[in-house]
Amino acid sequence: MAASFHDREPFLEHLFYRALMKTRHVWMLPPLDVGLPRQGLVLTWRRRVVNASPPMWEAYVLWIDERREEARVEWVPASYLQPVESEAPLAGRQRGHQGGPGTG
């Protein structure tokens, strides 16, 4: 039997909760695995209770709908989000300096 969202919630909290203010760029996974993932920008988080279900995390995500050529903002369940991995830039690095061969 496939794991439900509620089975995954502790995993999702581990992924997102420890860095709520740091996790901003995400991949929005398509519902039912139909379509391609889209890039999104998390504006804020909330924990929502629906009826008698356990609370679930949702993110208010800004994304570009390329079919309609417009920016959209909507609440997306955390189960459809995957953080974009990246490292912080090195401290003291000059803006615009790429550090490639022959640039120094």
C-alpha atoms as a PDB file:
ATOM      1  CA  MET A   1       0.000   0.000   0.000  1.00  0.00           C
ATOM      2  CA  ALA A   2       1.332   3.471  -0.893  1.00  0.00           C
ATOM      3  CA  ALA A   3       2.243   5.884   1.890  1.00  0.00           C
ATOM      4  CA  SER A   4      -0.313   8.630   2.442  1.00  0.00           C
ATOM      5  CA  PHE A   5       0.471  12.290   2.964  1.00  0.00           C
ATOM      6  CA  HIS A   6      -0.031  11.875   6.720  1.00  0.00           C
ATOM      7  CA  ASP A   7       2.598   9.122   6.791  1.00  0.00           C
ATOM      8  CA  ARG A   8       5.016  11.520   5.068  1.00  0.00           C
ATOM      9  CA  GLU A   9       4.303  14.572   7.248  1.00  0.00           C
ATOM     10  CA  PRO A  10       7.129  13.978   9.785  1.00  0.00           C
ATOM     11  CA  PHE A  11       9.512  13.730   6.818  1.00  0.00           C
ATOM     12  CA  LEU A  12       8.107  16.943   5.335  1.00  0.00           C
ATOM     13  CA  GLU A  13       8.433  18.750   8.658  1.00  0.00           C
ATOM     14  CA  HIS A  14      12.066  17.666   8.820  1.00  0.00           C
ATOM     15  CA  LEU A  15      12.613  18.999   5.306  1.00  0.00           C
ATOM     16  CA  PHE A  16      10.865  22.339   5.704  1.00  0.00           C
ATOM     17  CA  TYR A  17      10.165  23.204   9.347  1.00  0.00           C
ATOM     18  CA  ARG A  18      13.749  23.454  10.550  1.00  0.00           C
ATOM     19  CA  ALA A  19      14.390  26.168   7.979  1.00  0.00           C
ATOM     20  CA  LEU A  20      11.027  27.834   7.412  1.00  0.00           C
ATOM     21  CA  MET A  21      12.538  31.219   6.681  1.00  0.00           C
ATOM     22  CA  LYS A  22      15.425  29.782   4.660  1.00  0.00           C
ATOM     23  CA  THR A  23      13.493  27.506   2.310  1.00  0.00           C
ATOM     24  CA  ARG A  24      12.311  29.852  -0.411  1.00  0.00           C
ATOM     25  CA  HIS A  25      12.896  28.255  -3.818  1.00  0.00           C
ATOM     26  CA  VAL A  26      10.994  25.041  -4.470  1.00  0.00           C
ATOM     27  CA  TRP A  27       9.968  22.676  -7.201  1.00  0.00           C
ATOM     28  CA  MET A  28       6.189  22.299  -7.371  1.00  0.00           C
ATOM     29  CA  LEU A  29       5.453  18.683  -8.232  1.00  0.00           C
ATOM     30  CA  PRO A  30       2.442  18.133 -10.511  1.00  0.00           C
ATOM     31  CA  PRO A  31      -0.657  16.469  -9.015  1.00  0.00           C
ATOM     32  CA  LEU A  32      -1.039  12.817 -10.034  1.00  0.00           C
ATOM     33  CA  ASP A  33       2.408  13.032 -11.706  1.00  0.00           C
ATOM     34  CA  VAL A  34       0.803  14.650 -14.773  1.00  0.00           C
ATOM     35  CA  GLY A  35       2.862  17.436 -16.310  1.00  0.00           C
ATOM     36  CA  LEU A  36       6.283  18.821 -15.447  1.00  0.00           C
ATOM     37  CA  PRO A  37       7.576  20.252 -12.152  1.00  0.00           C
ATOM     38  CA  ARG A  38       7.486  24.058 -11.962  1.00  0.00           C
ATOM     39  CA  GLN A  39       9.754  26.439 -10.087  1.00  0.00           C
ATOM     40  CA  GLY A  40       8.190  28.426  -7.279  1.00  0.00           C
ATOM     41  CA  LEU A  41       9.072  30.982  -4.634  1.00  0.00           C
ATOM     42  CA  VAL A  42       7.691  30.421  -1.111  1.00  0.00           C
ATOM     43  CA  LEU A  43       6.340  33.648   0.378  1.00  0.00           C
ATOM     44  CA  THR A  44       5.083  32.238   3.701  1.00  0.00           C
ATOM     45  CA  TRP A  45       4.020  29.021   5.457  1.00  0.00           C
ATOM     46  CA  ARG A  46       0.947  27.968   7.390  1.00  0.00           C
ATOM     47  CA  ARG A  47      -0.220  24.857   9.168  1.00  0.00           C
ATOM     48  CA  ARG A  48      -3.842  24.107   8.299  1.00  0.00           C
ATOM     49  CA  VAL A  49      -6.386  21.794   9.926  1.00  0.00           C
ATOM     50  CA  VAL A  50      -9.086  20.327   7.677  1.00  0.00           C
ATOM     51  CA  ASN A  51     -12.027  18.692   9.476  1.00  0.00           C
ATOM     52  CA  ALA A  52     -10.735  15.880  11.718  1.00  0.00           C
ATOM     53  CA  SER A  53      -7.543  15.334   9.722  1.00  0.00           C
ATOM     54  CA  PRO A  54      -4.126  15.969  11.250  1.00  0.00           C
ATOM     55  CA  PRO A  55      -2.729  19.446  10.527  1.00  0.00           C
ATOM     56  CA  MET A  56      -0.752  19.830   7.313  1.00  0.00           C
ATOM     57  CA  TRP A  57       1.812  22.347   6.122  1.00  0.00           C
ATOM     58  CA  GLU A  58       1.049  24.576   3.149  1.00  0.00           C
ATOM     59  CA  ALA A  59       3.172  27.209   1.448  1.00  0.00           C
ATOM     60  CA  TYR A  60       1.966  30.371  -0.253  1.00  0.00           C
ATOM     61  CA  VAL A  61       3.874  30.002  -3.530  1.00  0.00           C
ATOM     62  CA  LEU A  62       4.500  32.474  -6.337  1.00  0.00           C
ATOM     63  CA  TRP A  63       4.941  30.753  -9.703  1.00  0.00           C
ATOM     64  CA  ILE A  64       4.689  31.559 -13.399  1.00  0.00           C
ATOM     65  CA  ASP A  65       1.869  30.003 -15.413  1.00  0.00           C
ATOM     66  CA  GLU A  66       3.532  29.886 -18.821  1.00  0.00           C
ATOM     67  CA  ARG A  67       0.362  28.776 -20.628  1.00  0.00           C
ATOM     68  CA  ARG A  68      -1.496  31.903 -19.494  1.00  0.00           C
ATOM     69  CA  GLU A  69       1.638  34.075 -19.376  1.00  0.00           C
ATOM     70  CA  GLU A  70       0.898  35.339 -15.874  1.00  0.00           C
ATOM     71  CA  ALA A  71       2.261  35.175 -12.345  1.00  0.00           C
ATOM     72  CA  ARG A  72       0.115  33.229  -9.895  1.00  0.00           C
ATOM     73  CA  VAL A  73       0.115  32.918  -6.119  1.00  0.00           C
ATOM     74  CA  GLU A  74      -1.630  30.068  -4.327  1.00  0.00           C
ATOM     75  CA  TRP A  75      -1.518  27.829  -1.262  1.00  0.00           C
ATOM     76  CA  VAL A  76       0.197  24.536  -2.116  1.00  0.00           C
ATOM     77  CA  PRO A  77       0.373  21.499   0.217  1.00  0.00           C
ATOM     78  CA  ALA A  78       3.943  20.731   1.291  1.00  0.00           C
ATOM     79  CA  SER A  79       3.547  17.215  -0.124  1.00  0.00           C
ATOM     80  CA  TYR A  80       3.723  18.788  -3.621  1.00  0.00           C
ATOM     81  CA  LEU A  81       6.882  20.792  -2.885  1.00  0.00           C
ATOM     82  CA  GLN A  82      10.530  19.870  -2.992  1.00  0.00           C
ATOM     83  CA  PRO A  83      13.197  22.348  -1.837  1.00  0.00           C
ATOM     84  CA  VAL A  84      15.761  23.486  -4.379  1.00  0.00           C
ATOM     85  CA  GLU A  85      19.168  22.589  -2.972  1.00  0.00           C
ATOM     86  CA  SER A  86      21.799  25.307  -3.065  1.00  0.00           C
ATOM     87  CA  GLU A  87      24.688  26.614  -1.029  1.00  0.00           C
ATOM     88  CA  ALA A  88      25.112  30.170   0.218  1.00  0.00           C
ATOM     89  CA  PRO A  89      27.639  32.254  -1.720  1.00  0.00           C
ATOM     90  CA  LEU A  90      31.107  32.564  -0.232  1.00  0.00           C
ATOM     91  CA  ALA A  91      31.540  35.515   2.134  1.00  0.00           C
ATOM     92  CA  GLY A  92      33.641  38.363   0.811  1.00  0.00           C
ATOM     93  CA  ARG A  93      33.139  37.453  -2.826  1.00  0.00           C
ATOM     94  CA  GLN A  94      32.820  40.514  -5.016  1.00  0.00           C
ATOM     95  CA  ARG A  95      29.538  40.969  -6.835  1.00  0.00           C
ATOM     96  CA  GLY A  96      29.850  40.122 -10.523  1.00  0.00           C
ATOM     97  CA  HIS A  97      33.162  38.281 -10.108  1.00  0.00           C
ATOM     98  CA  GLN A  98      32.779  34.808 -11.590  1.00  0.00           C
ATOM     99  CA  GLY A  99      36.192  33.506 -10.560  1.00  0.00           C
ATOM    100  CA  GLY A 100      36.831  31.699 -13.840  1.00  0.00           C
ATOM    101  CA  PRO A 101      40.177  31.417 -15.618  1.00  0.00           C
ATOM    102  CA  GLY A 102      41.629  34.766 -16.663  1.00  0.00           C
ATOM    103  CA  THR A 103      39.188  36.821 -14.582  1.00  0.00           C
ATOM    104  CA  GLY A 104      41.351  37.451 -11.545  1.00  0.00           C
END
